[in-house]
């Protein structure tokens, strides 16, 4: 078995797993959880950006 064969086999296994009904039902069942987690992550990113901008603002405001 060559490297390319192993790679294509792995990729096809992964895509088969994703297309299987088990994965679909997992995503449907945990949709709320996924949405909540993504919202929390987005909120954290936004807060971090705002916090950094505030810090930069204070640094620029202070006379060096």
PDB file of N, CA and C in Angstrom:
ATOM      1  N   UNK A   1       0.855  -1.215   0.000  1.00  0.00           N
ATOM      2  CA  UNK A   1       0.000   0.000   0.000  1.00  0.00           C
ATOM      3  C   UNK A   1       0.881   1.253   0.000  1.00  0.00           C
ATOM      4  N   UNK A   2       0.644   2.109  -0.967  1.00  0.00           N
ATOM      5  CA  UNK A   2       1.441   3.328  -1.071  1.00  0.00           C
ATOM      6  C   UNK A   2       0.868   4.404  -0.159  1.00  0.00           C
ATOM      7  N   UNK A   3       1.620   5.479  -0.033  1.00  0.00           N
ATOM      8  CA  UNK A   3       1.196   6.608   0.805  1.00  0.00           C
ATOM      9  C   UNK A   3      -0.111   7.202   0.294  1.00  0.00           C
ATOM     10  N   UNK A   4      -0.217   7.339  -1.031  1.00  0.00           N
ATOM     11  CA  UNK A   4      -1.429   7.917  -1.630  1.00  0.00           C
ATOM     12  C   UNK A   4      -2.654   7.049  -1.345  1.00  0.00           C
ATOM     13  N   UNK A   5      -2.483   5.727  -1.440  1.00  0.00           N
ATOM     14  CA  UNK A   5      -3.590   4.806  -1.170  1.00  0.00           C
ATOM     15  C   UNK A   5      -4.075   4.953   0.271  1.00  0.00           C
ATOM     16  N   UNK A   6      -3.113   5.005   1.201  1.00  0.00           N
ATOM     17  CA  UNK A   6      -3.459   5.136   2.615  1.00  0.00           C
ATOM     18  C   UNK A   6      -4.196   6.445   2.862  1.00  0.00           C
ATOM     19  N   UNK A   7      -3.730   7.504   2.207  1.00  0.00           N
ATOM     20  CA  UNK A   7      -4.331   8.824   2.381  1.00  0.00           C
ATOM     21  C   UNK A   7      -5.766   8.846   1.867  1.00  0.00           C
ATOM     22  N   UNK A   8      -5.978   8.324   0.659  1.00  0.00           N
ATOM     23  CA  UNK A   8      -7.339   8.315   0.102  1.00  0.00           C
ATOM     24  C   UNK A   8      -8.266   7.449   0.943  1.00  0.00           C
ATOM     25  N   UNK A   9      -7.742   6.328   1.457  1.00  0.00           N
ATOM     26  CA  UNK A   9      -8.559   5.452   2.299  1.00  0.00           C
ATOM     27  C   UNK A   9      -8.972   6.161   3.576  1.00  0.00           C
ATOM     28  N   UNK A  10      -8.018   6.850   4.197  1.00  0.00           N
ATOM     29  CA  UNK A  10      -8.306   7.606   5.420  1.00  0.00           C
ATOM     30  C   UNK A  10      -9.350   8.682   5.154  1.00  0.00           C
ATOM     31  N   UNK A  11      -9.169   9.436   4.071  1.00  0.00           N
ATOM     32  CA  UNK A  11     -10.098  10.513   3.722  1.00  0.00           C
ATOM     33  C   UNK A  11     -11.496   9.951   3.480  1.00  0.00           C
ATOM     34  N   UNK A  12     -11.586   8.833   2.751  1.00  0.00           N
ATOM     35  CA  UNK A  12     -12.902   8.245   2.472  1.00  0.00           C
ATOM     36  C   UNK A  12     -13.548   7.734   3.754  1.00  0.00           C
ATOM     37  N   UNK A  13     -12.749   7.188   4.681  1.00  0.00           N
ATOM     38  CA  UNK A  13     -13.288   6.748   5.971  1.00  0.00           C
ATOM     39  C   UNK A  13     -13.853   7.931   6.751  1.00  0.00           C
ATOM     40  N   UNK A  14     -13.116   9.052   6.768  1.00  0.00           N
ATOM     41  CA  UNK A  14     -13.563  10.252   7.485  1.00  0.00           C
ATOM     42  C   UNK A  14     -14.864  10.767   6.882  1.00  0.00           C
ATOM     43  N   UNK A  15     -14.923  10.858   5.530  1.00  0.00           N
ATOM     44  CA  UNK A  15     -16.137  11.354   4.883  1.00  0.00           C
ATOM     45  C   UNK A  15     -17.300  10.399   5.113  1.00  0.00           C
ATOM     46  N   UNK A  16     -17.024   9.100   5.147  1.00  0.00           N
ATOM     47  CA  UNK A  16     -18.078   8.114   5.439  1.00  0.00           C
ATOM     48  C   UNK A  16     -18.617   8.336   6.848  1.00  0.00           C
ATOM     49  N   UNK A  17     -17.721   8.563   7.810  1.00  0.00           N
ATOM     50  CA  UNK A  17     -18.132   8.821   9.190  1.00  0.00           C
ATOM     51  C   UNK A  17     -19.018  10.050   9.264  1.00  0.00           C
ATOM     52  N   UNK A  18     -18.626  11.103   8.548  1.00  0.00           N
ATOM     53  CA  UNK A  18     -19.388  12.352   8.600  1.00  0.00           C
ATOM     54  C   UNK A  18     -20.758  12.210   7.955  1.00  0.00           C
ATOM     55  N   UNK A  19     -20.844  11.405   6.885  1.00  0.00           N
ATOM     56  CA  UNK A  19     -22.116  11.265   6.183  1.00  0.00           C
ATOM     57  C   UNK A  19     -23.031  10.243   6.853  1.00  0.00           C
ATOM     58  N   UNK A  20     -22.496   9.484   7.804  1.00  0.00           N
ATOM     59  CA  UNK A  20     -23.318   8.468   8.466  1.00  0.00           C
ATOM     60  C   UNK A  20     -24.395   9.117   9.331  1.00  0.00           C
ATOM     61  N   UNK A  21     -25.473   8.405   9.522  1.00  0.00           N
ATOM     62  CA  UNK A  21     -26.622   8.948  10.262  1.00  0.00           C
ATOM     63  C   UNK A  21     -26.268   9.205  11.725  1.00  0.00           C
ATOM     64  N   UNK A  22     -25.296   8.428  12.248  1.00  0.00           N
ATOM     65  CA  UNK A  22     -24.883   8.599  13.644  1.00  0.00           C
ATOM     66  C   UNK A  22     -24.347  10.014  13.874  1.00  0.00           C
ATOM     67  N   UNK A  23     -23.493  10.469  12.950  1.00  0.00           N
ATOM     68  CA  UNK A  23     -22.941  11.815  13.056  1.00  0.00           C
ATOM     69  C   UNK A  23     -24.044  12.865  12.925  1.00  0.00           C
ATOM     70  N   UNK A  24     -24.958  12.640  11.955  1.00  0.00           N
ATOM     71  CA  UNK A  24     -26.043  13.596  11.747  1.00  0.00           C
ATOM     72  C   UNK A  24     -26.901  13.719  12.990  1.00  0.00           C
ATOM     73  N   UNK A  25     -27.259  12.577  13.591  1.00  0.00           N
ATOM     74  CA  UNK A  25     -28.105  12.612  14.788  1.00  0.00           C
ATOM     75  C   UNK A  25     -27.350  13.266  15.948  1.00  0.00           C
ATOM     76  N   UNK A  26     -26.030  13.028  16.024  1.00  0.00           N
ATOM     77  CA  UNK A  26     -25.227  13.662  17.068  1.00  0.00           C
ATOM     78  C   UNK A  26     -25.305  15.179  16.947  1.00  0.00           C
ATOM     79  N   UNK A  27     -25.157  15.692  15.703  1.00  0.00           N
ATOM     80  CA  UNK A  27     -25.207  17.138  15.499  1.00  0.00           C
ATOM     81  C   UNK A  27     -26.593  17.698  15.773  1.00  0.00           C
ATOM     82  N   UNK A  28     -27.633  16.965  15.391  1.00  0.00           N
ATOM     83  CA  UNK A  28     -29.005  17.425  15.630  1.00  0.00           C
ATOM     84  C   UNK A  28     -29.296  17.460  17.127  1.00  0.00           C
ATOM     85  N   UNK A  29     -28.867  16.412  17.837  1.00  0.00           N
ATOM     86  CA  UNK A  29     -29.126  16.332  19.280  1.00  0.00           C
ATOM     87  C   UNK A  29     -28.364  17.398  20.050  1.00  0.00           C
ATOM     88  N   UNK A  30     -27.165  17.707  19.603  1.00  0.00           N
ATOM     89  CA  UNK A  30     -26.330  18.652  20.344  1.00  0.00           C
ATOM     90  C   UNK A  30     -26.271  20.023  19.672  1.00  0.00           C
ATOM     91  N   UNK A  31     -27.287  20.319  18.855  1.00  0.00           N
ATOM     92  CA  UNK A  31     -27.307  21.593  18.130  1.00  0.00           C
ATOM     93  C   UNK A  31     -27.307  22.774  19.101  1.00  0.00           C
ATOM     94  N   UNK A  32     -28.139  22.691  20.133  1.00  0.00           N
ATOM     95  CA  UNK A  32     -28.214  23.773  21.124  1.00  0.00           C
ATOM     96  C   UNK A  32     -26.855  23.973  21.787  1.00  0.00           C
ATOM     97  N   UNK A  33     -26.243  22.858  22.171  1.00  0.00           N
ATOM     98  CA  UNK A  33     -24.931  22.903  22.824  1.00  0.00           C
ATOM     99  C   UNK A  33     -23.898  23.557  21.912  1.00  0.00           C
ATOM    100  N   UNK A  34     -23.897  23.147  20.635  1.00  0.00           N
ATOM    101  CA  UNK A  34     -22.943  23.694  19.657  1.00  0.00           C
ATOM    102  C   UNK A  34     -23.159  25.191  19.486  1.00  0.00           C
ATOM    103  N   UNK A  35     -24.431  25.613  19.383  1.00  0.00           N
ATOM    104  CA  UNK A  35     -24.752  27.037  19.220  1.00  0.00           C
ATOM    105  C   UNK A  35     -24.272  27.827  20.432  1.00  0.00           C
ATOM    106  N   UNK A  36     -24.562  27.324  21.637  1.00  0.00           N
ATOM    107  CA  UNK A  36     -24.157  28.007  22.878  1.00  0.00           C
ATOM    108  C   UNK A  36     -22.640  28.135  22.941  1.00  0.00           C
ATOM    109  N   UNK A  37     -21.930  27.049  22.654  1.00  0.00           N
ATOM    110  CA  UNK A  37     -20.461  27.072  22.702  1.00  0.00           C
ATOM    111  C   UNK A  37     -19.906  28.083  21.701  1.00  0.00           C
ATOM    112  N   UNK A  38     -20.452  28.081  20.470  1.00  0.00           N
ATOM    113  CA  UNK A  38     -19.951  29.021  19.463  1.00  0.00           C
ATOM    114  C   UNK A  38     -20.229  30.466  19.860  1.00  0.00           C
ATOM    115  N   UNK A  39     -21.412  30.716  20.464  1.00  0.00           N
ATOM    116  CA  UNK A  39     -21.727  32.070  20.931  1.00  0.00           C
ATOM    117  C   UNK A  39     -20.752  32.511  22.020  1.00  0.00           C
ATOM    118  N   UNK A  40     -20.443  31.607  22.948  1.00  0.00           N
ATOM    119  CA  UNK A  40     -19.491  31.918  24.024  1.00  0.00           C
ATOM    120  C   UNK A  40     -18.115  32.235  23.444  1.00  0.00           C
ATOM    121  N   UNK A  41     -17.687  31.439  22.476  1.00  0.00           N
ATOM    122  CA  UNK A  41     -16.379  31.652  21.842  1.00  0.00           C
ATOM    123  C   UNK A  41     -16.342  33.011  21.139  1.00  0.00           C
ATOM    124  N   UNK A  42     -17.407  33.330  20.390  1.00  0.00           N
ATOM    125  CA  UNK A  42     -17.488  34.621  19.699  1.00  0.00           C
ATOM    126  C   UNK A  42     -17.446  35.766  20.711  1.00  0.00           C
ATOM    127  N   UNK A  43     -18.212  35.629  21.805  1.00  0.00           N
ATOM    128  CA  UNK A  43     -18.241  36.664  22.841  1.00  0.00           C
ATOM    129  C   UNK A  43     -16.850  36.868  23.444  1.00  0.00           C
ATOM    130  N   UNK A  44     -16.148  35.776  23.724  1.00  0.00           N
ATOM    131  CA  UNK A  44     -14.796  35.872  24.279  1.00  0.00           C
ATOM    132  C   UNK A  44     -13.857  36.589  23.319  1.00  0.00           C
ATOM    133  N   UNK A  45     -13.954  36.250  22.030  1.00  0.00           N
ATOM    134  CA  UNK A  45     -13.100  36.902  21.022  1.00  0.00           C
ATOM    135  C   UNK A  45     -13.384  38.399  20.970  1.00  0.00           C
ATOM    136  N   UNK A  46     -14.676  38.754  20.938  1.00  0.00           N
ATOM    137  CA  UNK A  46     -15.067  40.176  20.879  1.00  0.00           C
ATOM    138  C   UNK A  46     -14.557  40.925  22.114  1.00  0.00           C
ATOM    139  N   UNK A  47     -14.758  40.325  23.300  1.00  0.00           N
ATOM    140  CA  UNK A  47     -14.298  40.956  24.541  1.00  0.00           C
ATOM    141  C   UNK A  47     -12.782  41.139  24.531  1.00  0.00           C
ATOM    142  N   UNK A  48     -12.066  40.126  24.055  1.00  0.00           N
ATOM    143  CA  UNK A  48     -10.603  40.221  23.991  1.00  0.00           C
ATOM    144  C   UNK A  48     -10.180  41.367  23.082  1.00  0.00           C
ATOM    145  N   UNK A  49     -10.829  41.479  21.925  1.00  0.00           N
ATOM    146  CA  UNK A  49     -10.496  42.552  20.969  1.00  0.00           C
ATOM    147  C   UNK A  49     -10.773  43.917  21.606  1.00  0.00           C
ATOM    148  N   UNK A  50     -11.950  44.064  22.231  1.00  0.00           N
ATOM    149  CA  UNK A  50     -12.309  45.332  22.867  1.00  0.00           C
ATOM    150  C   UNK A  50     -11.325  45.670  23.992  1.00  0.00           C
ATOM    151  N   UNK A  51     -10.984  44.651  24.800  1.00  0.00           N
ATOM    152  CA  UNK A  51     -10.062  44.841  25.919  1.00  0.00           C
ATOM    153  C   UNK A  51      -8.705  45.306  25.412  1.00  0.00           C
ATOM    154  N   UNK A  52      -8.217  44.668  24.355  1.00  0.00           N
ATOM    155  CA  UNK A  52      -6.927  45.048  23.786  1.00  0.00           C
ATOM    156  C   UNK A  52      -6.967  46.466  23.236  1.00  0.00           C
ATOM    157  N   UNK A  53      -8.075  46.807  22.573  1.00  0.00           N
ATOM    158  CA  UNK A  53      -8.204  48.165  22.037  1.00  0.00           C
ATOM    159  C   UNK A  53      -8.205  49.186  23.169  1.00  0.00           C
ATOM    160  N   UNK A  54      -8.879  48.858  24.274  1.00  0.00           N
ATOM    161  CA  UNK A  54      -8.932  49.753  25.428  1.00  0.00           C
ATOM    162  C   UNK A  54      -7.524  49.939  25.996  1.00  0.00           C
ATOM    163  N   UNK A  55      -6.795  48.837  26.129  1.00  0.00           N
ATOM    164  CA  UNK A  55      -5.422  48.907  26.631  1.00  0.00           C
ATOM    165  C   UNK A  55      -4.576  49.787  25.706  1.00  0.00           C
ATOM    166  N   UNK A  56      -4.706  49.566  24.391  1.00  0.00           N
ATOM    167  CA  UNK A  56      -3.953  50.373  23.430  1.00  0.00           C
ATOM    168  C   UNK A  56      -4.326  51.852  23.562  1.00  0.00           C
ATOM    169  N   UNK A  57      -5.620  52.105  23.752  1.00  0.00           N
ATOM    170  CA  UNK A  57      -6.094  53.478  23.914  1.00  0.00           C
ATOM    171  C   UNK A  57      -5.443  54.126  25.136  1.00  0.00           C
ATOM    172  N   UNK A  58      -5.421  53.398  26.260  1.00  0.00           N
ATOM    173  CA  UNK A  58      -4.804  53.938  27.477  1.00  0.00           C
ATOM    174  C   UNK A  58      -3.314  54.170  27.282  1.00  0.00           C
ATOM    175  N   UNK A  59      -2.660  53.232  26.580  1.00  0.00           N
ATOM    176  CA  UNK A  59      -1.226  53.374  26.337  1.00  0.00           C
ATOM    177  C   UNK A  59      -0.966  54.629  25.495  1.00  0.00           C
ATOM    178  N   UNK A  60      -1.788  54.827  24.464  1.00  0.00           N
ATOM    179  CA  UNK A  60      -1.601  55.994  23.599  1.00  0.00           C
ATOM    180  C   UNK A  60      -1.953  57.296  24.318  1.00  0.00           C
ATOM    181  N   UNK A  61      -2.917  57.226  25.242  1.00  0.00           N
ATOM    182  CA  UNK A  61      -3.356  58.429  25.951  1.00  0.00           C
ATOM    183  C   UNK A  61      -2.290  58.914  26.930  1.00  0.00           C
ATOM    184  N   UNK A  62      -1.593  57.943  27.560  1.00  0.00           N
ATOM    185  CA  UNK A  62      -0.575  58.319  28.543  1.00  0.00           C
ATOM    186  C   UNK A  62       0.616  58.989  27.853  1.00  0.00           C
ATOM    187  N   UNK A  63       1.099  60.061  28.431  1.00  0.00           N
ATOM    188  CA  UNK A  63       2.335  60.638  27.888  1.00  0.00           C
ATOM    189  C   UNK A  63       3.521  59.754  28.253  1.00  0.00           C
ATOM    190  N   UNK A  64       4.299  59.384  27.256  1.00  0.00           N
ATOM    191  CA  UNK A  64       5.424  58.475  27.514  1.00  0.00           C
ATOM    192  C   UNK A  64       6.650  59.303  27.899  1.00  0.00           C
TER     193      UNK A  64
END
